[in-house]
Amino acid sequence: RSRDHTRTPMQWNDEPYAGFSRVRPWLPVNPNYDWLNV
């Protein structure tokens, strides 16, 4: 139920940190970003 679930970084691609950033984001990326991404 946590609100954090919709606050994880947007998953743009399968690069590190899902293409959201090139550094560690403020909130960890969902590990499924490697296949679930734009």
PDB file of all heavy atoms in Angstrom:
ATOM      1  N   ARG A   1       0.769  -1.237   0.000  1.00  0.00           N
ATOM      2  CA  ARG A   1       0.000   0.000   0.000  1.00  0.00           C
ATOM      3  C   ARG A   1       0.806   1.297   0.000  1.00  0.00           C
ATOM      4  O   ARG A   1       0.230   2.377  -0.104  1.00  0.00           O
ATOM      5  CB  ARG A   1      -0.932   0.013   1.222  1.00  0.00           C
ATOM      6  CG  ARG A   1      -1.975  -1.099   1.191  1.00  0.00           C
ATOM      7  CD  ARG A   1      -2.788  -1.114   2.478  1.00  0.00           C
ATOM      8  NE  ARG A   1      -3.807  -2.159   2.461  1.00  0.00           N
ATOM      9  CZ  ARG A   1      -5.045  -1.992   2.036  1.00  0.00           C
ATOM     10  NH1 ARG A   1      -5.428  -0.815   1.587  1.00  0.00           N
ATOM     11  NH2 ARG A   1      -5.915  -2.989   2.049  1.00  0.00           N
ATOM     12  N   SER A   2       2.111   1.239   0.134  1.00  0.00           N
ATOM     13  CA  SER A   2       2.892   2.470   0.305  1.00  0.00           C
ATOM     14  C   SER A   2       2.765   3.438  -0.868  1.00  0.00           C
ATOM     15  O   SER A   2       2.677   3.026  -2.031  1.00  0.00           O
ATOM     16  CB  SER A   2       4.371   2.136   0.495  1.00  0.00           C
ATOM     17  OG  SER A   2       5.141   3.329   0.561  1.00  0.00           O
ATOM     18  N   ARG A   3       2.809   4.735  -0.546  1.00  0.00           N
ATOM     19  CA  ARG A   3       2.840   5.772  -1.581  1.00  0.00           C
ATOM     20  C   ARG A   3       4.166   5.749  -2.339  1.00  0.00           C
ATOM     21  O   ARG A   3       4.261   6.295  -3.446  1.00  0.00           O
ATOM     22  CB  ARG A   3       2.610   7.154  -0.961  1.00  0.00           C
ATOM     23  CG  ARG A   3       1.294   7.277  -0.224  1.00  0.00           C
ATOM     24  CD  ARG A   3       0.946   8.712   0.122  1.00  0.00           C
ATOM     25  NE  ARG A   3       1.919   9.356   0.993  1.00  0.00           N
ATOM     26  CZ  ARG A   3       1.787  10.610   1.440  1.00  0.00           C
ATOM     27  NH1 ARG A   3       0.731  11.324   1.101  1.00  0.00           N
ATOM     28  NH2 ARG A   3       2.695  11.142   2.231  1.00  0.00           N
ATOM     29  N   ASP A   4       5.202   5.164  -1.744  1.00  0.00           N
ATOM     30  CA  ASP A   4       6.499   5.098  -2.426  1.00  0.00           C
ATOM     31  C   ASP A   4       6.421   4.350  -3.756  1.00  0.00           C
ATOM     32  O   ASP A   4       7.244   4.570  -4.653  1.00  0.00           O
ATOM     33  CB  ASP A   4       7.537   4.404  -1.538  1.00  0.00           C
ATOM     34  CG  ASP A   4       8.186   5.351  -0.547  1.00  0.00           C
ATOM     35  OD1 ASP A   4       7.904   6.557  -0.605  1.00  0.00           O
ATOM     36  OD2 ASP A   4       8.986   4.877   0.284  1.00  0.00           O
ATOM     37  N   HIS A   5       5.451   3.443  -3.899  1.00  0.00           N
ATOM     38  CA  HIS A   5       5.388   2.611  -5.100  1.00  0.00           C
ATOM     39  C   HIS A   5       5.218   3.442  -6.368  1.00  0.00           C
ATOM     40  O   HIS A   5       5.738   3.084  -7.432  1.00  0.00           O
ATOM     41  CB  HIS A   5       4.246   1.596  -4.988  1.00  0.00           C
ATOM     42  CG  HIS A   5       4.467   0.567  -3.931  1.00  0.00           C
ATOM     43  ND1 HIS A   5       5.617  -0.184  -3.843  1.00  0.00           N
ATOM     44  CD2 HIS A   5       3.678   0.173  -2.885  1.00  0.00           C
ATOM     45  CE1 HIS A   5       5.526  -1.008  -2.808  1.00  0.00           C
ATOM     46  NE2 HIS A   5       4.361  -0.814  -2.209  1.00  0.00           N
ATOM     47  N   THR A   6       4.448   4.535  -6.277  1.00  0.00           N
ATOM     48  CA  THR A   6       4.279   5.363  -7.469  1.00  0.00           C
ATOM     49  C   THR A   6       5.294   6.506  -7.518  1.00  0.00           C
ATOM     50  O   THR A   6       5.232   7.345  -8.409  1.00  0.00           O
ATOM     51  CB  THR A   6       2.848   5.948  -7.525  1.00  0.00           C
ATOM     52  OG1 THR A   6       2.470   6.424  -6.233  1.00  0.00           O
ATOM     53  CG2 THR A   6       1.862   4.916  -8.010  1.00  0.00           C
ATOM     54  N   ARG A   7       6.225   6.516  -6.567  1.00  0.00           N
ATOM     55  CA  ARG A   7       7.232   7.572  -6.525  1.00  0.00           C
ATOM     56  C   ARG A   7       8.613   7.073  -6.933  1.00  0.00           C
ATOM     57  O   ARG A   7       9.576   7.837  -6.935  1.00  0.00           O
ATOM     58  CB  ARG A   7       7.265   8.187  -5.121  1.00  0.00           C
ATOM     59  CG  ARG A   7       5.922   8.794  -4.739  1.00  0.00           C
ATOM     60  CD  ARG A   7       5.885   9.361  -3.335  1.00  0.00           C
ATOM     61  NE  ARG A   7       4.545   9.892  -3.034  1.00  0.00           N
ATOM     62  CZ  ARG A   7       4.243  10.593  -1.949  1.00  0.00           C
ATOM     63  NH1 ARG A   7       5.172  10.846  -1.045  1.00  0.00           N
ATOM     64  NH2 ARG A   7       3.013  11.030  -1.767  1.00  0.00           N
ATOM     65  N   THR A   8       8.721   5.773  -7.248  1.00  0.00           N
ATOM     66  CA  THR A   8      10.003   5.286  -7.756  1.00  0.00           C
ATOM     67  C   THR A   8      10.270   5.912  -9.120  1.00  0.00           C
ATOM     68  O   THR A   8       9.345   6.289  -9.837  1.00  0.00           O
ATOM     69  CB  THR A   8      10.008   3.750  -7.876  1.00  0.00           C
ATOM     70  OG1 THR A   8       8.962   3.349  -8.780  1.00  0.00           O
ATOM     71  CG2 THR A   8       9.805   3.082  -6.523  1.00  0.00           C
ATOM     72  N   PRO A   9      11.542   6.063  -9.489  1.00  0.00           N
ATOM     73  CA  PRO A   9      11.871   6.749 -10.742  1.00  0.00           C
ATOM     74  C   PRO A   9      11.214   6.125 -11.979  1.00  0.00           C
ATOM     75  O   PRO A   9      11.068   4.901 -12.082  1.00  0.00           O
ATOM     76  CB  PRO A   9      13.397   6.635 -10.813  1.00  0.00           C
ATOM     77  CG  PRO A   9      13.816   6.605  -9.369  1.00  0.00           C
ATOM     78  CD  PRO A   9      12.750   5.783  -8.685  1.00  0.00           C
ATOM     79  N   MET A  10      10.844   6.998 -12.893  1.00  0.00           N
ATOM     80  CA  MET A  10      10.278   6.580 -14.179  1.00  0.00           C
ATOM     81  C   MET A  10      11.278   5.695 -14.912  1.00  0.00           C
ATOM     82  O   MET A  10      12.490   5.969 -14.931  1.00  0.00           O
ATOM     83  CB  MET A  10       9.959   7.832 -15.003  1.00  0.00           C
ATOM     84  CG  MET A  10       9.369   7.570 -16.352  1.00  0.00           C
ATOM     85  SD  MET A  10       7.659   6.997 -16.230  1.00  0.00           S
ATOM     86  CE  MET A  10       7.263   6.859 -17.987  1.00  0.00           C
ATOM     87  N   GLN A  11      10.756   4.623 -15.516  1.00  0.00           N
ATOM     88  CA  GLN A  11      11.611   3.623 -16.167  1.00  0.00           C
ATOM     89  C   GLN A  11      11.662   3.872 -17.673  1.00  0.00           C
ATOM     90  O   GLN A  11      10.788   3.446 -18.424  1.00  0.00           O
ATOM     91  CB  GLN A  11      11.094   2.224 -15.813  1.00  0.00           C
ATOM     92  CG  GLN A  11      11.242   1.943 -14.322  1.00  0.00           C
ATOM     93  CD  GLN A  11      10.460   0.761 -13.797  1.00  0.00           C
ATOM     94  OE1 GLN A  11      10.075   0.736 -12.628  1.00  0.00           O
ATOM     95  NE2 GLN A  11      10.208  -0.236 -14.635  1.00  0.00           N
ATOM     96  N   TRP A  12      12.723   4.576 -18.095  1.00  0.00           N
ATOM     97  CA  TRP A  12      12.839   4.987 -19.494  1.00  0.00           C
ATOM     98  C   TRP A  12      13.512   3.936 -20.369  1.00  0.00           C
ATOM     99  O   TRP A  12      13.138   3.752 -21.532  1.00  0.00           O
ATOM    100  CB  TRP A  12      13.607   6.305 -19.590  1.00  0.00           C
ATOM    101  CG  TRP A  12      12.888   7.447 -18.955  1.00  0.00           C
ATOM    102  CD1 TRP A  12      13.143   8.040 -17.754  1.00  0.00           C
ATOM    103  CD2 TRP A  12      11.736   8.126 -19.492  1.00  0.00           C
ATOM    104  NE1 TRP A  12      12.239   9.043 -17.501  1.00  0.00           N
ATOM    105  CE2 TRP A  12      11.363   9.126 -18.547  1.00  0.00           C
ATOM    106  CE3 TRP A  12      10.990   8.002 -20.659  1.00  0.00           C
ATOM    107  CZ2 TRP A  12      10.285   9.984 -18.748  1.00  0.00           C
ATOM    108  CZ3 TRP A  12       9.917   8.844 -20.861  1.00  0.00           C
ATOM    109  CH2 TRP A  12       9.569   9.825 -19.922  1.00  0.00           C
ATOM    110  N   ASN A  13      14.522   3.238 -19.824  1.00  0.00           N
ATOM    111  CA  ASN A  13      15.232   2.224 -20.617  1.00  0.00           C
ATOM    112  C   ASN A  13      15.912   1.239 -19.672  1.00  0.00           C
ATOM    113  O   ASN A  13      15.688   1.280 -18.454  1.00  0.00           O
ATOM    114  CB  ASN A  13      16.246   2.878 -21.572  1.00  0.00           C
ATOM    115  CG  ASN A  13      17.228   3.789 -20.843  1.00  0.00           C
ATOM    116  OD1 ASN A  13      17.739   3.447 -19.777  1.00  0.00           O
ATOM    117  ND2 ASN A  13      17.487   4.964 -21.413  1.00  0.00           N
ATOM    118  N   ASP A  14      16.747   0.351 -20.219  1.00  0.00           N
ATOM    119  CA  ASP A  14      17.374  -0.681 -19.391  1.00  0.00           C
ATOM    120  C   ASP A  14      18.791  -0.312 -18.975  1.00  0.00           C
ATOM    121  O   ASP A  14      19.548  -1.162 -18.487  1.00  0.00           O
ATOM    122  CB  ASP A  14      17.360  -2.028 -20.114  1.00  0.00           C
ATOM    123  CG  ASP A  14      18.150  -2.007 -21.427  1.00  0.00           C
ATOM    124  OD1 ASP A  14      18.703  -0.937 -21.785  1.00  0.00           O
ATOM    125  OD2 ASP A  14      18.218  -3.054 -22.093  1.00  0.00           O
ATOM    126  N   GLU A  15      19.183   0.949 -19.150  1.00  0.00           N
ATOM    127  CA  GLU A  15      20.485   1.404 -18.672  1.00  0.00           C
ATOM    128  C   GLU A  15      20.453   1.521 -17.148  1.00  0.00           C
ATOM    129  O   GLU A  15      19.377   1.518 -16.534  1.00  0.00           O
ATOM    130  CB  GLU A  15      20.830   2.753 -19.306  1.00  0.00           C
ATOM    131  CG  GLU A  15      20.995   2.694 -20.815  1.00  0.00           C
ATOM    132  CD  GLU A  15      21.160   4.078 -21.441  1.00  0.00           C
ATOM    133  OE1 GLU A  15      21.280   5.067 -20.677  1.00  0.00           O
ATOM    134  OE2 GLU A  15      21.156   4.163 -22.679  1.00  0.00           O
ATOM    135  N   PRO A  16      21.620   1.635 -16.502  1.00  0.00           N
ATOM    136  CA  PRO A  16      21.626   1.787 -15.042  1.00  0.00           C
ATOM    137  C   PRO A  16      20.714   2.925 -14.601  1.00  0.00           C
ATOM    138  O   PRO A  16      20.676   3.984 -15.228  1.00  0.00           O
ATOM    139  CB  PRO A  16      23.100   2.089 -14.736  1.00  0.00           C
ATOM    140  CG  PRO A  16      23.856   1.423 -15.843  1.00  0.00           C
ATOM    141  CD  PRO A  16      22.990   1.570 -17.058  1.00  0.00           C
ATOM    142  N   TYR A  17      19.970   2.683 -13.529  1.00  0.00           N
ATOM    143  CA  TYR A  17      19.005   3.633 -12.980  1.00  0.00           C
ATOM    144  C   TYR A  17      17.876   3.946 -13.959  1.00  0.00           C
ATOM    145  O   TYR A  17      17.251   4.999 -13.908  1.00  0.00           O
ATOM    146  CB  TYR A  17      19.692   4.915 -12.506  1.00  0.00           C
ATOM    147  CG  TYR A  17      20.887   4.651 -11.621  1.00  0.00           C
ATOM    148  CD1 TYR A  17      22.152   5.129 -11.957  1.00  0.00           C
ATOM    149  CD2 TYR A  17      20.749   3.895 -10.453  1.00  0.00           C
ATOM    150  CE1 TYR A  17      23.250   4.859 -11.153  1.00  0.00           C
ATOM    151  CE2 TYR A  17      21.847   3.630  -9.644  1.00  0.00           C
ATOM    152  CZ  TYR A  17      23.096   4.110  -9.999  1.00  0.00           C
ATOM    153  OH  TYR A  17      24.187   3.842  -9.197  1.00  0.00           O
ATOM    154  N   ALA A  18      17.613   3.002 -14.863  1.00  0.00           N
ATOM    155  CA  ALA A  18      16.449   3.043 -15.755  1.00  0.00           C
ATOM    156  C   ALA A  18      16.425   4.257 -16.675  1.00  0.00           C
ATOM    157  O   ALA A  18      15.373   4.635 -17.182  1.00  0.00           O
ATOM    158  CB  ALA A  18      15.153   2.984 -14.938  1.00  0.00           C
ATOM    159  N   GLY A  19      17.592   4.887 -16.912  1.00  0.00           N
ATOM    160  CA  GLY A  19      17.628   6.054 -17.783  1.00  0.00           C
ATOM    161  C   GLY A  19      17.062   7.301 -17.129  1.00  0.00           C
ATOM    162  O   GLY A  19      17.012   8.363 -17.751  1.00  0.00           O
ATOM    163  N   PHE A  20      16.640   7.184 -15.859  1.00  0.00           N
ATOM    164  CA  PHE A  20      16.133   8.349 -15.132  1.00  0.00           C
ATOM    165  C   PHE A  20      17.280   9.312 -14.816  1.00  0.00           C
ATOM    166  O   PHE A  20      17.134  10.531 -14.902  1.00  0.00           O
ATOM    167  CB  PHE A  20      15.458   7.888 -13.835  1.00  0.00           C
ATOM    168  CG  PHE A  20      15.252   8.977 -12.818  1.00  0.00           C
ATOM    169  CD1 PHE A  20      14.232   9.901 -12.977  1.00  0.00           C
ATOM    170  CD2 PHE A  20      16.087   9.083 -11.707  1.00  0.00           C
ATOM    171  CE1 PHE A  20      14.045  10.926 -12.053  1.00  0.00           C
ATOM    172  CE2 PHE A  20      15.904  10.099 -10.770  1.00  0.00           C
ATOM    173  CZ  PHE A  20      14.884  11.018 -10.947  1.00  0.00           C
ATOM    174  N   SER A  21      18.425   8.763 -14.444  1.00  0.00           N
ATOM    175  CA  SER A  21      19.592   9.551 -14.071  1.00  0.00           C
ATOM    176  C   SER A  21      20.833   8.710 -14.319  1.00  0.00           C
ATOM    177  O   SER A  21      20.742   7.496 -14.534  1.00  0.00           O
ATOM    178  CB  SER A  21      19.506   9.940 -12.588  1.00  0.00           C
ATOM    179  OG  SER A  21      20.634  10.670 -12.173  1.00  0.00           O
ATOM    180  N   ARG A  22      22.003   9.369 -14.267  1.00  0.00           N
ATOM    181  CA  ARG A  22      23.256   8.623 -14.377  1.00  0.00           C
ATOM    182  C   ARG A  22      23.905   8.408 -13.018  1.00  0.00           C
ATOM    183  O   ARG A  22      25.008   7.875 -12.933  1.00  0.00           O
ATOM    184  CB  ARG A  22      24.223   9.348 -15.326  1.00  0.00           C
ATOM    185  CG  ARG A  22      23.799   9.251 -16.790  1.00  0.00           C
ATOM    186  CD  ARG A  22      24.799   9.850 -17.734  1.00  0.00           C
ATOM    187  NE  ARG A  22      24.830  11.309 -17.619  1.00  0.00           N
ATOM    188  CZ  ARG A  22      25.489  12.112 -18.457  1.00  0.00           C
ATOM    189  NH1 ARG A  22      26.187  11.588 -19.461  1.00  0.00           N
ATOM    190  NH2 ARG A  22      25.484  13.418 -18.290  1.00  0.00           N
ATOM    191  N   VAL A  23      23.212   8.842 -11.957  1.00  0.00           N
ATOM    192  CA  VAL A  23      23.677   8.598 -10.592  1.00  0.00           C
ATOM    193  C   VAL A  23      22.548   7.955  -9.798  1.00  0.00           C
ATOM    194  O   VAL A  23      21.405   7.907 -10.247  1.00  0.00           O
ATOM    195  CB  VAL A  23      24.122   9.917  -9.905  1.00  0.00           C
ATOM    196  CG1 VAL A  23      25.231  10.592 -10.699  1.00  0.00           C
ATOM    197  CG2 VAL A  23      22.942  10.873  -9.730  1.00  0.00           C
ATOM    198  N   ARG A  24      22.879   7.486  -8.602  1.00  0.00           N
ATOM    199  CA  ARG A  24      21.888   6.811  -7.771  1.00  0.00           C
ATOM    200  C   ARG A  24      20.728   7.766  -7.456  1.00  0.00           C
ATOM    201  O   ARG A  24      20.943   8.848  -6.906  1.00  0.00           O
ATOM    202  CB  ARG A  24      22.528   6.318  -6.478  1.00  0.00           C
ATOM    203  CG  ARG A  24      21.594   5.485  -5.596  1.00  0.00           C
ATOM    204  CD  ARG A  24      22.276   5.091  -4.307  1.00  0.00           C
ATOM    205  NE  ARG A  24      23.468   4.305  -4.575  1.00  0.00           N
ATOM    206  CZ  ARG A  24      23.486   2.993  -4.809  1.00  0.00           C
ATOM    207  NH1 ARG A  24      22.345   2.324  -4.808  1.00  0.00           N
ATOM    208  NH2 ARG A  24      24.615   2.355  -5.041  1.00  0.00           N
ATOM    209  N   PRO A  25      19.493   7.395  -7.783  1.00  0.00           N
ATOM    210  CA  PRO A  25      18.355   8.286  -7.543  1.00  0.00           C
ATOM    211  C   PRO A  25      18.020   8.419  -6.052  1.00  0.00           C
ATOM    212  O   PRO A  25      18.427   7.593  -5.231  1.00  0.00           O
ATOM    213  CB  PRO A  25      17.200   7.614  -8.289  1.00  0.00           C
ATOM    214  CG  PRO A  25      17.835   6.612  -9.193  1.00  0.00           C
ATOM    215  CD  PRO A  25      19.093   6.188  -8.514  1.00  0.00           C
ATOM    216  N   TRP A  26      17.214   9.423  -5.750  1.00  0.00           N
ATOM    217  CA  TRP A  26      16.794   9.683  -4.370  1.00  0.00           C
ATOM    218  C   TRP A  26      15.986   8.539  -3.782  1.00  0.00           C
ATOM    219  O   TRP A  26      15.992   8.302  -2.580  1.00  0.00           O
ATOM    220  CB  TRP A  26      15.976  10.981  -4.308  1.00  0.00           C
ATOM    221  CG  TRP A  26      14.598  10.861  -4.904  1.00  0.00           C
ATOM    222  CD1 TRP A  26      14.278  10.932  -6.229  1.00  0.00           C
ATOM    223  CD2 TRP A  26      13.374  10.639  -4.199  1.00  0.00           C
ATOM    224  NE1 TRP A  26      12.915  10.762  -6.402  1.00  0.00           N
ATOM    225  CE2 TRP A  26      12.333  10.590  -5.167  1.00  0.00           C
ATOM    226  CE3 TRP A  26      13.035  10.501  -2.863  1.00  0.00           C
ATOM    227  CZ2 TRP A  26      11.003  10.391  -4.836  1.00  0.00           C
ATOM    228  CZ3 TRP A  26      11.695  10.295  -2.513  1.00  0.00           C
ATOM    229  CH2 TRP A  26      10.703  10.250  -3.503  1.00  0.00           C
ATOM    230  N   LEU A  27      15.303   7.774  -4.650  1.00  0.00           N
ATOM    231  CA  LEU A  27      14.540   6.603  -4.247  1.00  0.00           C
ATOM    232  C   LEU A  27      14.925   5.470  -5.197  1.00  0.00           C
ATOM    233  O   LEU A  27      14.999   5.689  -6.411  1.00  0.00           O
ATOM    234  CB  LEU A  27      13.031   6.895  -4.341  1.00  0.00           C
ATOM    235  CG  LEU A  27      12.062   5.970  -3.615  1.00  0.00           C
ATOM    236  CD1 LEU A  27      12.275   6.032  -2.107  1.00  0.00           C
ATOM    237  CD2 LEU A  27      10.608   6.348  -3.937  1.00  0.00           C
ATOM    238  N   PRO A  28      15.222   4.271  -4.684  1.00  0.00           N
ATOM    239  CA  PRO A  28      15.692   3.210  -5.572  1.00  0.00           C
ATOM    240  C   PRO A  28      14.721   2.872  -6.702  1.00  0.00           C
ATOM    241  O   PRO A  28      13.502   2.915  -6.525  1.00  0.00           O
ATOM    242  CB  PRO A  28      15.851   2.013  -4.622  1.00  0.00           C
ATOM    243  CG  PRO A  28      16.061   2.621  -3.272  1.00  0.00           C
ATOM    244  CD  PRO A  28      15.214   3.867  -3.263  1.00  0.00           C
ATOM    245  N   VAL A  29      15.277   2.534  -7.839  1.00  0.00           N
ATOM    246  CA  VAL A  29      14.497   2.139  -9.006  1.00  0.00           C
ATOM    247  C   VAL A  29      13.940   0.731  -8.797  1.00  0.00           C
ATOM    248  O   VAL A  29      14.564  -0.108  -8.145  1.00  0.00           O
ATOM    249  CB  VAL A  29      15.399   2.162 -10.265  1.00  0.00           C
ATOM    250  CG1 VAL A  29      14.645   1.659 -11.491  1.00  0.00           C
ATOM    251  CG2 VAL A  29      15.927   3.563 -10.510  1.00  0.00           C
ATOM    252  N   ASN A  30      12.757   0.477  -9.344  1.00  0.00           N
ATOM    253  CA  ASN A  30      12.198  -0.868  -9.319  1.00  0.00           C
ATOM    254  C   ASN A  30      13.127  -1.802 -10.107  1.00  0.00           C
ATOM    255  O   ASN A  30      13.475  -1.503 -11.256  1.00  0.00           O
ATOM    256  CB  ASN A  30      10.799  -0.854  -9.954  1.00  0.00           C
ATOM    257  CG  ASN A  30      10.041  -2.144  -9.711  1.00  0.00           C
ATOM    258  OD1 ASN A  30      10.588  -3.234  -9.772  1.00  0.00           O
ATOM    259  ND2 ASN A  30       8.757  -2.016  -9.430  1.00  0.00           N
ATOM    260  N   PRO A  31      13.542  -2.938  -9.529  1.00  0.00           N
ATOM    261  CA  PRO A  31      14.475  -3.833 -10.227  1.00  0.00           C
ATOM    262  C   PRO A  31      13.964  -4.351 -11.570  1.00  0.00           C
ATOM    263  O   PRO A  31      14.770  -4.815 -12.392  1.00  0.00           O
ATOM    264  CB  PRO A  31      14.660  -4.988  -9.226  1.00  0.00           C
ATOM    265  CG  PRO A  31      14.322  -4.406  -7.891  1.00  0.00           C
ATOM    266  CD  PRO A  31      13.239  -3.400  -8.164  1.00  0.00           C
ATOM    267  N   ASN A  32      12.652  -4.283 -11.823  1.00  0.00           N
ATOM    268  CA  ASN A  32      12.139  -4.812 -13.092  1.00  0.00           C
ATOM    269  C   ASN A  32      12.346  -3.860 -14.264  1.00  0.00           C
ATOM    270  O   ASN A  32      11.868  -4.114 -15.373  1.00  0.00           O
ATOM    271  CB  ASN A  32      10.665  -5.211 -12.976  1.00  0.00           C
ATOM    272  CG  ASN A  32       9.727  -4.027 -12.742  1.00  0.00           C
ATOM    273  OD1 ASN A  32      10.122  -2.866 -12.874  1.00  0.00           O
ATOM    274  ND2 ASN A  32       8.480  -4.319 -12.408  1.00  0.00           N
ATOM    275  N   TYR A  33      13.071  -2.749 -14.043  1.00  0.00           N
ATOM    276  CA  TYR A  33      13.287  -1.774 -15.117  1.00  0.00           C
ATOM    277  C   TYR A  33      14.032  -2.368 -16.306  1.00  0.00           C
ATOM    278  O   TYR A  33      13.946  -1.850 -17.431  1.00  0.00           O
ATOM    279  CB  TYR A  33      14.054  -0.556 -14.587  1.00  0.00           C
ATOM    280  CG  TYR A  33      15.539  -0.784 -14.398  1.00  0.00           C
ATOM    281  CD1 TYR A  33      16.438  -0.561 -15.449  1.00  0.00           C
ATOM    282  CD2 TYR A  33      16.056  -1.235 -13.190  1.00  0.00           C
ATOM    283  CE1 TYR A  33      17.803  -0.777 -15.281  1.00  0.00           C
ATOM    284  CE2 TYR A  33      17.412  -1.453 -13.020  1.00  0.00           C
ATOM    285  CZ  TYR A  33      18.281  -1.226 -14.073  1.00  0.00           C
ATOM    286  OH  TYR A  33      19.630  -1.441 -13.913  1.00  0.00           O
ATOM    287  N   ASP A  34      14.779  -3.472 -16.084  1.00  0.00           N
ATOM    288  CA  ASP A  34      15.574  -4.013 -17.179  1.00  0.00           C
ATOM    289  C   ASP A  34      14.710  -4.576 -18.305  1.00  0.00           C
ATOM    290  O   ASP A  34      15.168  -4.694 -19.448  1.00  0.00           O
ATOM    291  CB  ASP A  34      16.551  -5.083 -16.675  1.00  0.00           C
ATOM    292  CG  ASP A  34      15.856  -6.241 -15.973  1.00  0.00           C
ATOM    293  OD1 ASP A  34      14.663  -6.115 -15.624  1.00  0.00           O
ATOM    294  OD2 ASP A  34      16.517  -7.277 -15.764  1.00  0.00           O
ATOM    295  N   TRP A  35      13.446  -4.902 -17.991  1.00  0.00           N
ATOM    296  CA  TRP A  35      12.545  -5.366 -19.062  1.00  0.00           C
ATOM    297  C   TRP A  35      11.281  -4.510 -19.182  1.00  0.00           C
ATOM    298  O   TRP A  35      10.653  -4.460 -20.236  1.00  0.00           O
ATOM    299  CB  TRP A  35      12.148  -6.830 -18.853  1.00  0.00           C
ATOM    300  CG  TRP A  35      11.400  -7.099 -17.577  1.00  0.00           C
ATOM    301  CD1 TRP A  35      11.917  -7.427 -16.373  1.00  0.00           C
ATOM    302  CD2 TRP A  35       9.970  -7.043 -17.382  1.00  0.00           C
ATOM    303  NE1 TRP A  35      10.922  -7.584 -15.425  1.00  0.00           N
ATOM    304  CE2 TRP A  35       9.716  -7.360 -16.021  1.00  0.00           C
ATOM    305  CE3 TRP A  35       8.893  -6.771 -18.222  1.00  0.00           C
ATOM    306  CZ2 TRP A  35       8.426  -7.400 -15.481  1.00  0.00           C
ATOM    307  CZ3 TRP A  35       7.609  -6.808 -17.689  1.00  0.00           C
ATOM    308  CH2 TRP A  35       7.383  -7.122 -16.351  1.00  0.00           C
ATOM    309  N   LEU A  36      10.912  -3.814 -18.095  1.00  0.00           N
ATOM    310  CA  LEU A  36       9.708  -2.991 -18.126  1.00  0.00           C
ATOM    311  C   LEU A  36      10.143  -1.527 -18.218  1.00  0.00           C
ATOM    312  O   LEU A  36      10.483  -0.896 -17.219  1.00  0.00           O
ATOM    313  CB  LEU A  36       8.874  -3.220 -16.848  1.00  0.00           C
ATOM    314  CG  LEU A  36       7.380  -2.872 -16.905  1.00  0.00           C
ATOM    315  CD1 LEU A  36       6.663  -3.401 -15.668  1.00  0.00           C
ATOM    316  CD2 LEU A  36       7.119  -1.394 -17.062  1.00  0.00           C
ATOM    317  N   ASN A  37      10.157  -1.015 -19.442  1.00  0.00           N
ATOM    318  CA  ASN A  37      10.599   0.366 -19.646  1.00  0.00           C
ATOM    319  C   ASN A  37      10.030   0.922 -20.954  1.00  0.00           C
ATOM    320  O   ASN A  37       9.531   0.167 -21.801  1.00  0.00           O
ATOM    321  CB  ASN A  37      12.125   0.472 -19.620  1.00  0.00           C
ATOM    322  CG  ASN A  37      12.799  -0.373 -20.684  1.00  0.00           C
ATOM    323  OD1 ASN A  37      12.706  -0.077 -21.875  1.00  0.00           O
ATOM    324  ND2 ASN A  37      13.486  -1.435 -20.267  1.00  0.00           N
ATOM    325  N   VAL A  38      10.097   2.215 -21.098  1.00  0.00           N
ATOM    326  CA  VAL A  38       9.536   2.894 -22.278  1.00  0.00           C
ATOM    327  C   VAL A  38      10.213   2.425 -23.558  1.00  0.00           C
ATOM    328  O   VAL A  38       9.541   2.120 -24.558  1.00  0.00           O
ATOM    329  CB  VAL A  38       9.665   4.428 -22.126  1.00  0.00           C
ATOM    330  CG1 VAL A  38       9.293   5.125 -23.446  1.00  0.00           C
ATOM    331  CG2 VAL A  38       8.787   4.940 -20.993  1.00  0.00           C
TER     332      VAL A  38
END
